[in-house]
């Protein structure tokens, strides 16, 4: 019996030592390497912008008005119809203009007849003056009457031409290529000179209204380049320049109105919205990294630099953002290799496995397969780790040692 006790103690000691060695091996194995992709922090030119959401309006959208008074007898173009320059839009009753033209023509002919008669009188009076039958004053009076009739004839001809032109104004035509936005007058309406008939819009040139807060006023200037994009044409960008900055601030939104004129060659629609970025300055040699490389930690904004298979955290200060890139103002040198995909799963000193990034042409299906492979690989690694570290507790080891000692005693 006394021999059994030392044997049991020796067996228990050996079991405990084996457990400690396995725990140390498990600790030394550590966490598995994290699968990531990397990119390089590069130095480049960064466009610092002021961004906003604006609206488009037609630069040319006049209301086509009546140029003569009369009743509207025909509307040719309706709302939404595209017209070309010179196309007939509406017709106004020209009966009054026709009658006026006849009266003006009659007056012109009357003055022409009087002038012809006065020309003959002047000729005879001149002959009589030369013969001494009448005084020079009588001849001068005849010539003055002739000159007055000449001026009257010029005025009569002008009135006749004006009334003839008014007849042509009864046919309202399109002054430019565009689209009829609104039909204001209807057949049967009596319109006066200047009353609107239709509103015509040309989308060849558009004006963007960009609202900015008052605080942005010192950075905005006339002539700055503006980058515009529209949800109507995703992926496309259009450039213009600031043509005007309204001096006042709107009472409703307390915003500064910035105007940008653009040539519409891409089919944008008046009234639509645009995302606008006014380039206020450019920074040369700015250090840029993708936005997903910057992660938030209790210490602040972190970028993980990859060196010798490990992640080294760098606390950084960020600046402007543009097109998925963020400027690193402080804390990261240019050319450093930084974590990209998977950066959010890293910690200081974590082991990493760098994987080449998928090509941009890869489909969503292949991307899902790649992510699935990463997950399966991690699961398999975790399963292997847990399977390799399976061990007995100290109590189980002592029990097993006692059983073996009893068996030896029985023998």
Protein backbone atom coordinates (compact mmCIF):
# COMPACT_ATOMS: atom_id res chain seq x y z
CA UNK A 1 0.00 0.00 0.00
CA UNK A 2 2.83 2.36 0.77
CA UNK A 3 4.35 1.62 -2.61
CA UNK A 4 1.15 2.53 -4.43
CA UNK A 5 1.03 6.13 -3.11
CA UNK A 6 4.39 7.25 -4.56
CA UNK A 7 3.49 5.68 -7.87
CA UNK A 8 0.20 7.60 -7.97
CA UNK A 9 1.96 10.87 -7.17
CA UNK A 10 4.54 10.31 -9.87
CA UNK A 11 1.83 9.55 -12.43
CA UNK A 12 -0.14 12.67 -11.47
CA UNK A 13 2.97 14.81 -11.74
CA UNK A 14 3.70 13.48 -15.23
CA UNK A 15 0.09 14.12 -16.34
CA UNK A 16 0.16 17.68 -15.08
CA UNK A 17 3.44 18.32 -16.88
CA UNK A 18 1.98 17.02 -20.13
CA UNK A 19 -1.03 19.33 -19.78
CA UNK A 20 1.20 22.35 -19.17
CA UNK A 21 3.32 21.54 -22.23
CA UNK A 22 0.20 21.29 -24.41
CA UNK A 23 -1.11 24.61 -23.06
CA UNK A 24 2.21 26.25 -23.87
CA UNK A 25 2.12 24.79 -27.37
CA UNK A 26 -1.41 26.10 -27.83
CA UNK A 27 -0.37 29.57 -26.61
CA UNK A 28 2.68 29.61 -28.86
CA UNK A 29 0.56 28.69 -31.84
CA UNK A 30 -1.46 31.95 -31.30
CA UNK A 31 -4.23 33.21 -33.55
CA UNK A 32 -4.21 32.10 -37.19
CA UNK A 33 -2.89 34.51 -39.82
CA UNK A 34 -5.56 36.87 -41.21
CA UNK A 35 -6.08 36.77 -44.96
CA UNK A 36 -5.87 40.29 -46.43
CA UNK A 37 -5.04 42.22 -49.57
CA UNK A 38 -2.65 45.15 -49.67
CA UNK A 39 -2.07 48.34 -51.57
CA UNK A 40 0.54 51.06 -51.56
CA UNK A 41 0.15 54.56 -50.15
CA UNK A 42 0.95 56.77 -53.08
CA UNK A 43 1.72 60.44 -53.43
CA UNK A 44 -0.36 62.30 -55.98
CA UNK A 45 -2.37 65.40 -56.75
CA UNK A 46 -5.54 65.77 -54.70
CA UNK A 47 -8.38 68.02 -55.76
CA UNK A 48 -9.92 69.60 -52.67
CA UNK A 49 -13.59 70.16 -53.37
CA UNK A 50 -16.77 71.60 -51.93
CA UNK A 51 -19.63 69.23 -52.68
CA UNK A 52 -23.37 69.79 -52.89
CA UNK A 53 -26.55 68.64 -54.61
CA UNK A 54 -27.95 71.06 -57.19
CA UNK A 55 -30.69 71.38 -59.77
CA UNK A 56 -30.65 72.05 -63.50
CA UNK A 57 -32.68 74.58 -65.39
CA UNK A 58 -32.83 75.51 -69.04
CA UNK A 59 -30.62 78.45 -69.88
CA UNK A 60 -33.06 79.46 -72.65
CA UNK A 61 -36.75 78.96 -71.77
CA UNK A 62 -38.74 81.98 -73.02
CA UNK A 63 -42.49 82.40 -73.11
CA UNK A 64 -43.46 82.90 -76.75
CA UNK A 65 -45.86 85.85 -76.75
CA UNK A 66 -48.25 87.38 -79.24
CA UNK A 67 -46.79 90.18 -81.36
CA UNK A 68 -50.19 91.37 -82.59
CA UNK A 69 -53.59 91.58 -80.95
CA UNK A 70 -56.26 89.18 -82.07
CA UNK A 71 -58.07 85.91 -81.50
CA UNK A 72 -56.10 82.64 -81.45
CA UNK A 73 -57.49 80.55 -84.29
CA UNK A 74 -55.05 77.62 -84.23
CA UNK A 75 -52.54 75.96 -81.90
CA UNK A 76 -50.22 73.73 -83.87
CA UNK A 77 -47.64 72.60 -81.28
CA UNK A 78 -48.76 71.00 -78.02
CA UNK A 79 -46.91 70.50 -74.74
CA UNK A 80 -44.04 68.05 -74.95
CA UNK A 81 -43.63 68.33 -78.71
CA UNK A 82 -40.18 68.92 -80.16
CA UNK A 83 -39.96 71.72 -82.73
CA UNK A 84 -37.25 73.13 -84.95
CA UNK A 85 -36.48 76.74 -85.72
CA UNK A 86 -39.11 78.21 -88.07
CA UNK A 87 -41.80 75.60 -87.30
CA UNK A 88 -45.34 76.96 -86.96
CA UNK A 89 -46.54 77.06 -83.34
CA UNK A 90 -49.82 79.02 -83.46
CA UNK A 91 -51.94 81.21 -85.70
CA UNK A 92 -53.68 84.47 -84.70
CA UNK A 93 -56.54 86.02 -86.64
CA UNK A 94 -54.95 88.57 -88.99
CA UNK A 95 -58.13 90.18 -90.36
CA UNK A 96 -57.43 93.48 -88.58
CA UNK A 97 -53.85 93.49 -89.81
CA UNK A 98 -55.00 92.87 -93.40
CA UNK A 99 -57.45 95.77 -93.26
CA UNK A 100 -54.84 98.05 -91.75
CA UNK A 101 -52.42 97.16 -94.50
CA UNK A 102 -55.01 98.03 -97.14
CA UNK A 103 -55.60 101.41 -95.52
CA UNK A 104 -51.88 102.11 -95.34
CA UNK A 105 -51.43 101.15 -98.98
CA UNK A 106 -54.24 103.49 -100.02
CA UNK A 107 -52.69 106.34 -98.09
CA UNK A 108 -49.34 105.65 -99.69
CA UNK A 109 -50.82 105.80 -103.15
CA UNK A 110 -52.66 109.03 -102.30
CA UNK A 111 -49.44 110.71 -101.17
CA UNK A 112 -47.62 109.43 -104.25
CA UNK A 113 -50.26 111.04 -106.47
CA UNK A 114 -50.04 114.36 -104.61
CA UNK A 115 -46.28 114.30 -104.86
CA UNK A 116 -46.38 113.66 -108.61
CA UNK A 117 -48.72 116.63 -109.03
CA UNK A 118 -46.53 118.85 -106.87
CA UNK A 119 -43.46 117.90 -108.90
CA UNK A 120 -45.21 119.21 -112.04
CA UNK A 121 -46.26 122.41 -110.21
CA UNK A 122 -42.69 123.07 -109.13
CA UNK A 123 -41.46 122.62 -112.68
CA UNK A 124 -44.00 125.13 -114.04
CA UNK A 125 -43.33 127.58 -111.23
CA UNK A 126 -39.64 127.48 -112.01
CA UNK A 127 -40.28 128.37 -115.62
CA UNK A 128 -42.49 131.30 -114.60
CA UNK A 129 -39.86 132.61 -112.21
CA UNK A 130 -37.28 132.52 -114.97
CA UNK A 131 -39.60 134.54 -117.24
CA UNK A 132 -40.35 137.01 -114.45
CA UNK A 133 -44.07 136.32 -114.30
CA UNK A 134 -44.01 135.37 -110.58
CA UNK A 135 -41.74 136.15 -107.69
CA UNK A 136 -39.00 133.90 -106.35
CA UNK A 137 -40.96 133.43 -103.12
CA UNK A 138 -43.80 131.72 -104.97
CA UNK A 139 -41.33 129.25 -106.48
CA UNK A 140 -39.82 128.56 -103.07
CA UNK A 141 -43.28 127.82 -101.61
CA UNK A 142 -43.94 125.25 -104.32
CA UNK A 143 -40.64 123.49 -103.66
CA UNK A 144 -41.33 123.39 -99.88
CA UNK A 145 -44.71 121.75 -100.48
CA UNK A 146 -43.00 119.20 -102.73
CA UNK A 147 -40.39 118.35 -100.03
CA UNK A 148 -43.14 117.95 -97.41
CA UNK A 149 -45.02 115.52 -99.66
CA UNK A 150 -41.84 113.50 -100.14
CA UNK A 151 -41.56 113.07 -96.36
CA UNK A 152 -45.23 112.18 -96.11
CA UNK A 153 -44.69 109.52 -98.75
CA UNK A 154 -41.78 108.05 -96.77
CA UNK A 155 -43.98 107.86 -93.66
CA UNK A 156 -46.84 106.27 -95.63
CA UNK A 157 -44.50 103.64 -97.05
CA UNK A 158 -43.20 102.84 -93.54
CA UNK A 159 -46.74 102.39 -92.23
CA UNK A 160 -47.56 100.12 -95.13
CA UNK A 161 -44.47 98.01 -94.50
CA UNK A 162 -45.30 97.80 -90.78
CA UNK A 163 -48.85 96.63 -91.40
CA UNK A 164 -47.59 94.06 -93.89
CA UNK A 165 -45.10 92.81 -91.30
CA UNK A 166 -47.88 92.56 -88.73
CA UNK A 167 -49.72 90.25 -91.08
CA UNK A 168 -46.74 87.91 -90.93
CA UNK A 169 -46.69 88.08 -87.14
CA UNK A 170 -50.06 86.39 -87.09
CA UNK A 171 -48.14 83.15 -87.73
CA UNK A 172 -46.17 82.40 -84.56
CA UNK A 173 -43.06 80.34 -85.33
CA UNK A 174 -40.33 78.76 -83.17
CA UNK A 175 -37.32 81.06 -82.72
CA UNK A 176 -34.98 78.10 -82.00
CA UNK A 177 -34.88 74.32 -81.72
CA UNK A 178 -36.51 73.12 -78.54
CA UNK A 179 -39.45 71.46 -76.83
CA UNK A 180 -42.81 73.00 -75.99
CA UNK A 181 -42.97 72.82 -72.20
CA UNK A 182 -46.32 74.52 -71.56
CA UNK A 183 -49.27 75.54 -73.69
CA UNK A 184 -50.61 78.72 -72.12
CA UNK A 185 -53.22 80.01 -74.61
CA UNK A 186 -56.02 78.04 -76.24
CA UNK A 187 -57.98 78.37 -79.44
CA UNK A 188 -60.54 81.17 -79.07
CA UNK A 189 -58.57 83.24 -76.58
CA UNK A 190 -58.19 86.92 -77.40
CA UNK A 191 -54.62 87.96 -76.81
CA UNK A 192 -53.01 91.36 -76.65
CA UNK A 193 -49.51 92.23 -77.70
CA UNK A 194 -47.11 90.49 -75.32
CA UNK A 195 -49.56 87.93 -73.92
CA UNK A 196 -47.83 84.51 -73.65
CA UNK A 197 -48.99 81.69 -75.89
CA UNK A 198 -46.48 78.88 -75.28
CA UNK A 199 -43.34 78.27 -73.26
CA UNK A 200 -40.48 76.85 -75.30
CA UNK A 201 -37.43 75.23 -73.71
CA UNK A 202 -34.04 74.55 -75.24
CA UNK A 203 -31.88 71.96 -73.46
CA UNK A 204 -28.75 72.60 -75.50
CA UNK A 205 -27.39 74.81 -72.75
CA UNK A 206 -28.26 74.31 -69.10
CA UNK A 207 -27.64 76.22 -65.90
CA UNK A 208 -26.97 74.45 -62.61
CA UNK A 209 -28.02 76.07 -59.34
CA UNK A 210 -25.71 74.88 -56.57
CA UNK A 211 -26.58 75.80 -52.96
CA UNK A 212 -23.67 76.10 -50.54
CA UNK A 213 -23.58 77.07 -46.85
CA UNK A 214 -22.45 80.55 -45.92
CA UNK A 215 -19.25 79.15 -44.44
CA UNK A 216 -18.09 78.06 -47.91
CA UNK A 217 -18.31 81.59 -49.36
CA UNK A 218 -14.62 82.51 -48.78
CA UNK A 219 -13.48 79.43 -50.74
CA UNK A 220 -15.78 79.86 -53.74
CA UNK A 221 -14.75 82.09 -56.64
CA UNK A 222 -15.93 82.82 -60.13
CA UNK A 223 -14.16 80.72 -62.78
CA UNK A 224 -13.47 77.67 -60.59
CA UNK A 225 -13.83 74.26 -62.22
CA UNK A 226 -16.91 72.23 -61.29
CA UNK A 227 -17.30 68.45 -61.71
CA UNK A 228 -20.93 67.41 -62.24
CA UNK A 229 -22.57 64.00 -62.29
CA UNK A 230 -26.19 63.04 -62.78
CA UNK A 231 -28.22 60.00 -61.65
CA UNK A 232 -29.64 60.04 -65.17
CA UNK A 233 -26.19 59.08 -66.52
CA UNK A 234 -24.41 57.06 -63.81
CA UNK A 235 -20.65 56.87 -64.18
CA UNK A 236 -20.40 59.97 -66.35
CA UNK A 237 -18.87 63.28 -65.32
CA UNK A 238 -19.26 66.72 -66.85
CA UNK A 239 -17.10 69.75 -66.25
CA UNK A 240 -18.07 73.38 -66.18
CA UNK A 241 -17.00 76.59 -64.54
CA UNK A 242 -18.59 78.86 -61.96
CA UNK A 243 -20.18 81.60 -64.04
CA UNK A 244 -21.81 83.60 -61.26
CA UNK A 245 -22.13 83.70 -57.48
CA UNK A 246 -25.26 85.43 -56.22
CA UNK A 247 -24.35 88.21 -53.76
CA UNK A 248 -27.14 87.45 -51.32
CA UNK A 249 -28.12 84.45 -49.22
CA UNK A 250 -31.53 82.88 -49.72
CA UNK A 251 -33.97 83.52 -46.90
CA UNK A 252 -35.55 80.06 -47.09
CA UNK A 253 -32.47 77.84 -46.91
CA UNK A 254 -29.84 80.38 -45.84
CA UNK A 255 -27.73 79.13 -48.73
CA UNK A 256 -25.39 80.78 -51.21
CA UNK A 257 -26.49 80.25 -54.83
CA UNK A 258 -23.65 79.36 -57.22
CA UNK A 259 -24.46 79.23 -60.95
CA UNK A 260 -22.69 76.97 -63.45
CA UNK A 261 -23.44 77.08 -67.19
CA UNK A 262 -22.82 73.86 -69.13
CA UNK A 263 -23.22 72.75 -72.73
CA UNK A 264 -25.65 69.84 -72.68
CA UNK A 265 -24.16 67.30 -75.09
CA UNK A 266 -25.10 64.23 -73.02
CA UNK A 267 -28.89 64.56 -72.89
CA UNK A 268 -29.41 65.97 -69.41
CA UNK A 269 -32.93 67.18 -68.64
CA UNK A 270 -33.91 70.58 -67.24
CA UNK A 271 -35.27 70.25 -63.73
CA UNK A 272 -33.06 67.26 -62.90
CA UNK A 273 -30.62 66.98 -60.03
CA UNK A 274 -26.83 66.91 -60.21
CA UNK A 275 -24.06 66.09 -57.77
CA UNK A 276 -21.53 68.88 -57.94
CA UNK A 277 -17.99 69.25 -56.65
CA UNK A 278 -16.33 72.66 -56.95
CA UNK A 279 -12.54 72.34 -57.04
CA UNK A 280 -11.38 75.01 -54.60
CA UNK A 281 -7.68 74.03 -54.56
CA UNK A 282 -5.20 71.29 -55.48
CA UNK A 283 -2.62 69.70 -53.20
CA UNK A 284 0.49 68.30 -54.81
CA UNK A 285 2.28 65.24 -53.38
CA UNK A 286 -0.62 64.37 -51.10
CA UNK A 287 -0.42 60.86 -49.57
CA UNK A 288 -3.51 58.91 -50.62
CA UNK A 289 -4.88 55.54 -49.52
CA UNK A 290 -8.24 53.85 -50.18
CA UNK A 291 -10.97 54.64 -47.67
CA UNK A 292 -11.25 51.02 -46.48
CA UNK A 293 -7.60 51.09 -45.39
CA UNK A 294 -8.48 53.59 -42.65
CA UNK A 295 -10.18 51.91 -39.68
CA UNK A 296 -11.45 53.35 -36.44
CA UNK A 297 -9.96 52.16 -33.16
CA UNK A 298 -10.05 53.51 -29.59
CA UNK A 299 -6.70 55.19 -30.28
CA UNK A 300 -8.18 57.02 -33.28
CA UNK A 301 -7.97 56.47 -37.02
CA UNK A 302 -5.57 53.64 -37.82
CA UNK A 303 -3.80 52.44 -40.96
CA UNK A 304 -2.10 49.04 -40.74
CA UNK A 305 1.29 48.88 -42.44
CA UNK A 306 2.31 45.35 -43.46
CA UNK A 307 5.92 44.42 -42.79
CA UNK A 308 7.50 40.96 -42.36
CA UNK A 309 4.12 39.26 -42.36
CA UNK A 310 2.74 41.36 -39.51
CA UNK A 311 0.39 44.32 -39.19
CA UNK A 312 1.86 47.44 -37.61
CA UNK A 313 -0.68 50.07 -36.66
CA UNK A 314 -0.07 53.73 -37.50
CA UNK A 315 -2.23 56.41 -35.94
CA UNK A 316 -2.99 58.90 -38.72
CA UNK A 317 -4.69 62.22 -39.34
CA UNK A 318 -6.92 62.31 -42.39
CA UNK A 319 -7.77 65.21 -44.69
CA UNK A 320 -9.92 65.53 -47.76
CA UNK A 321 -11.67 62.66 -49.52
CA UNK A 322 -12.13 62.23 -53.24
CA UNK A 323 -13.27 59.34 -55.47
CA UNK A 324 -12.83 56.64 -52.83
CA UNK A 325 -9.44 57.93 -51.68
CA UNK A 326 -8.60 59.67 -48.43
CA UNK A 327 -5.70 62.02 -47.79
CA UNK A 328 -3.31 61.12 -44.98
CA UNK A 329 -2.10 64.38 -43.49
CA UNK A 330 0.11 62.89 -40.81
CA UNK A 331 1.33 59.50 -39.62
CA UNK A 332 2.07 57.56 -42.82
CA UNK A 333 4.96 57.78 -45.31
CA UNK A 334 4.46 57.57 -49.06
CA UNK A 335 5.14 54.14 -50.54
CA UNK A 336 4.17 52.19 -47.42
CA UNK A 337 2.38 48.88 -48.02
CA UNK A 338 -0.95 49.04 -46.18
CA UNK A 339 -3.76 46.60 -45.57
CA UNK A 340 -6.80 46.97 -47.80
CA UNK A 341 -9.44 44.22 -47.72
CA UNK A 342 -9.58 42.78 -44.22
CA UNK A 343 -8.02 45.80 -42.52
CA UNK A 344 -10.94 46.00 -40.12
CA UNK A 345 -10.08 42.55 -38.66
CA UNK A 346 -6.46 43.37 -37.79
CA UNK A 347 -4.83 44.28 -34.50
CA UNK A 348 -1.35 45.46 -33.58
CA UNK A 349 1.22 42.79 -34.44
CA UNK A 350 -1.32 40.39 -35.97
CA UNK A 351 0.06 37.82 -38.40
CA UNK A 352 -1.26 38.25 -41.94
CA UNK A 353 -1.38 36.30 -45.16
CA UNK A 354 -1.37 38.54 -48.22
CA UNK A 355 -3.56 37.51 -51.11
CA UNK A 356 -3.50 39.06 -54.55
CA UNK A 357 -6.52 41.18 -55.28
CA UNK A 358 -9.10 39.89 -57.74
CA UNK A 359 -9.11 41.46 -61.17
CA UNK A 360 -11.66 44.26 -61.68
CA UNK A 361 -13.38 42.20 -64.39
CA UNK A 362 -14.26 39.42 -61.93
CA UNK A 363 -17.98 38.81 -61.56
CA UNK A 364 -19.96 38.91 -58.36
CA UNK A 365 -20.13 35.12 -58.40
CA UNK A 366 -16.37 34.77 -58.41
CA UNK A 367 -16.12 37.35 -55.63
CA UNK A 368 -18.54 35.34 -53.52
CA UNK A 369 -16.55 32.17 -54.23
CA UNK A 370 -13.35 33.88 -53.14
CA UNK A 371 -14.94 35.08 -49.92
CA UNK A 372 -16.33 31.60 -49.36
CA UNK A 373 -12.87 30.11 -49.85
CA UNK A 374 -11.42 32.49 -47.29
CA UNK A 375 -14.14 31.55 -44.80
CA UNK A 376 -13.69 27.82 -45.41
CA UNK A 377 -9.92 28.16 -45.07
CA UNK A 378 -10.33 30.04 -41.78
CA UNK A 379 -12.86 27.48 -40.49
CA UNK A 380 -10.58 24.61 -41.44
CA UNK A 381 -7.65 26.33 -39.72
CA UNK A 382 -9.71 26.91 -36.59
CA UNK A 383 -10.97 23.31 -36.59
CA UNK A 384 -7.44 22.02 -36.89
CA UNK A 385 -6.27 24.27 -34.12
CA UNK A 386 -8.98 23.15 -31.73
CA UNK A 387 -8.52 19.50 -32.67
CA UNK A 388 -4.75 19.71 -32.14
CA UNK A 389 -5.09 21.26 -28.68
CA UNK A 390 -7.49 18.73 -27.21
CA UNK A 391 -6.10 17.56 -23.77
CA UNK A 392 -7.09 15.92 -20.51
CA UNK A 393 -7.75 17.90 -17.36
CA UNK A 394 -5.43 17.36 -14.35
CA UNK A 395 -8.16 15.37 -12.50
CA UNK A 396 -8.67 13.07 -15.45
CA UNK A 397 -4.90 12.51 -15.59
CA UNK A 398 -4.73 11.62 -11.89
CA UNK A 399 -7.62 9.16 -12.21
CA UNK A 400 -5.97 7.49 -15.14
CA UNK A 401 -2.68 7.23 -13.18
CA UNK A 402 -4.48 5.51 -10.26
CA UNK A 403 -6.08 3.01 -12.59
CA UNK A 404 -2.71 2.16 -14.13
CA UNK A 405 -1.13 1.79 -10.64
CA UNK A 406 -3.88 -0.64 -9.50
CA UNK A 407 -3.33 -2.67 -12.60
CA UNK A 408 0.38 -2.88 -11.87
CA UNK A 409 -0.33 -3.97 -8.27
CA UNK A 410 -2.72 -6.66 -9.42
CA UNK A 411 -0.05 -8.02 -11.66
